[in-house]
Amino acid sequence: ASLLHRKYRQDRIPEDVDYIIIGSGIGGLWLAACLAKFDIRTLVLEQHYIAGGLQHTFQRNNYEFVPGLHYIANLPLCQPLYEMVADPNKKIEYNQ
């Protein structure tokens, strides 16, 4: 089985993980991407067989449903959050 489809077991968690994120919805994936920008090792655990939380579709009675986020009303407010994770090669400096 691939890493993406293995069931959780405590003995499979790498010892050098800094944070464990429960849930692979948009918030969990965004947080993992941001932490990775700071070279912080994260592990994302998801109970569903598809990552993405409500960002994936499902079908019921021949209808397809898309329950996830469709529109961000205040793009200027959200733009910095998007830019933090948009470029995987761009590092972020952190000043305490």
Protein backbone atom coordinates (compact mmCIF):
# COMPACT_ATOMS: atom_id res chain seq x y z
CA ALA A 1 0.00 0.00 0.00
CA SER A 2 1.18 3.49 -0.72
CA LEU A 3 1.89 6.01 2.01
CA LEU A 4 -1.35 7.79 1.11
CA HIS A 5 -3.52 4.76 1.82
CA ARG A 6 -1.96 3.20 4.91
CA LYS A 7 -4.07 3.07 8.04
CA TYR A 8 -2.82 4.89 11.12
CA ARG A 9 -0.71 2.97 13.59
CA GLN A 10 1.43 4.62 16.23
CA ASP A 11 4.51 2.61 15.21
CA ARG A 12 4.32 4.12 11.68
CA ILE A 13 4.79 7.70 12.88
CA PRO A 14 8.33 8.87 12.13
CA GLU A 15 10.25 9.93 15.23
CA ASP A 16 11.44 13.19 13.69
CA VAL A 17 7.96 14.67 13.07
CA ASP A 18 7.52 18.07 14.71
CA TYR A 19 3.73 18.35 14.39
CA ILE A 20 0.84 16.00 13.64
CA ILE A 21 -2.15 17.58 11.91
CA ILE A 22 -5.46 15.78 12.23
CA GLY A 23 -7.58 16.22 9.10
CA SER A 24 -6.65 16.95 5.51
CA GLY A 25 -9.21 19.64 4.85
CA ILE A 26 -8.24 22.99 3.42
CA GLY A 27 -7.13 24.24 6.85
CA GLY A 28 -5.00 21.21 7.68
CA LEU A 29 -3.33 21.11 4.27
CA TRP A 30 -2.70 24.87 4.32
CA LEU A 31 -1.16 24.64 7.80
CA ALA A 32 1.07 21.73 6.75
CA ALA A 33 2.22 23.69 3.68
CA CYS A 34 3.00 26.76 5.79
CA LEU A 35 4.93 24.76 8.37
CA ALA A 36 6.90 23.11 5.59
CA LYS A 37 7.98 26.59 4.44
CA PHE A 38 9.73 26.90 7.81
CA ASP A 39 11.31 23.44 7.39
CA ILE A 40 9.02 22.06 10.09
CA ARG A 41 8.25 18.38 9.52
CA THR A 42 4.55 17.60 9.68
CA LEU A 43 2.40 14.51 9.36
CA VAL A 44 -1.19 14.90 8.16
CA LEU A 45 -3.62 12.17 9.24
CA GLU A 46 -6.99 11.75 7.52
CA GLN A 47 -9.71 9.19 8.28
CA HIS A 48 -11.28 9.37 4.82
CA TYR A 49 -9.71 7.54 1.89
CA ILE A 50 -9.48 10.83 -0.06
CA ALA A 51 -7.48 13.79 1.22
CA GLY A 52 -9.05 17.22 1.01
CA GLY A 53 -11.93 17.27 3.46
CA LEU A 54 -14.89 19.04 1.88
CA GLN A 55 -12.80 19.99 -1.16
CA HIS A 56 -13.71 16.82 -3.03
CA THR A 57 -16.98 15.77 -4.64
CA PHE A 58 -19.35 12.93 -3.88
CA GLN A 59 -22.36 11.39 -5.60
CA ARG A 60 -25.80 10.50 -4.29
CA ASN A 61 -28.71 9.30 -6.43
CA ASN A 62 -27.02 10.26 -9.72
CA TYR A 63 -26.31 13.80 -8.48
CA GLU A 64 -22.81 15.13 -7.94
CA PHE A 65 -22.22 17.38 -4.92
CA VAL A 66 -19.33 19.80 -4.44
CA PRO A 67 -19.51 20.84 -0.78
CA GLY A 68 -16.22 22.74 -0.67
CA LEU A 69 -15.24 26.36 -0.88
CA HIS A 70 -16.32 27.98 -4.14
CA TYR A 71 -15.74 31.68 -3.64
CA ILE A 72 -13.58 33.89 -1.45
CA ALA A 73 -15.35 37.22 -1.07
CA ASN A 74 -12.46 39.20 0.38
CA LEU A 75 -9.55 38.26 -1.87
CA PRO A 76 -7.30 41.15 -0.69
CA LEU A 77 -7.56 39.79 2.85
CA CYS A 78 -6.83 36.21 1.76
CA GLN A 79 -4.14 36.99 -0.85
CA PRO A 80 -1.23 36.94 1.67
CA LEU A 81 -2.36 33.53 2.94
CA TYR A 82 -2.43 32.20 -0.62
CA GLU A 83 0.98 33.65 -1.43
CA MET A 84 2.49 31.92 1.61
CA VAL A 85 1.95 28.50 0.06
CA ALA A 86 1.58 29.18 -3.68
CA ASP A 87 5.26 28.87 -4.58
CA PRO A 88 6.79 25.71 -3.08
CA ASN A 89 10.32 27.03 -3.65
CA LYS A 90 9.82 30.35 -1.88
CA LYS A 91 10.97 30.29 1.74
CA ILE A 92 9.37 32.45 4.41
CA GLU A 93 11.43 34.32 6.98
CA TYR A 94 10.12 34.28 10.51
CA ASN A 95 10.99 37.01 12.99
CA GLN A 96 10.09 36.33 16.61
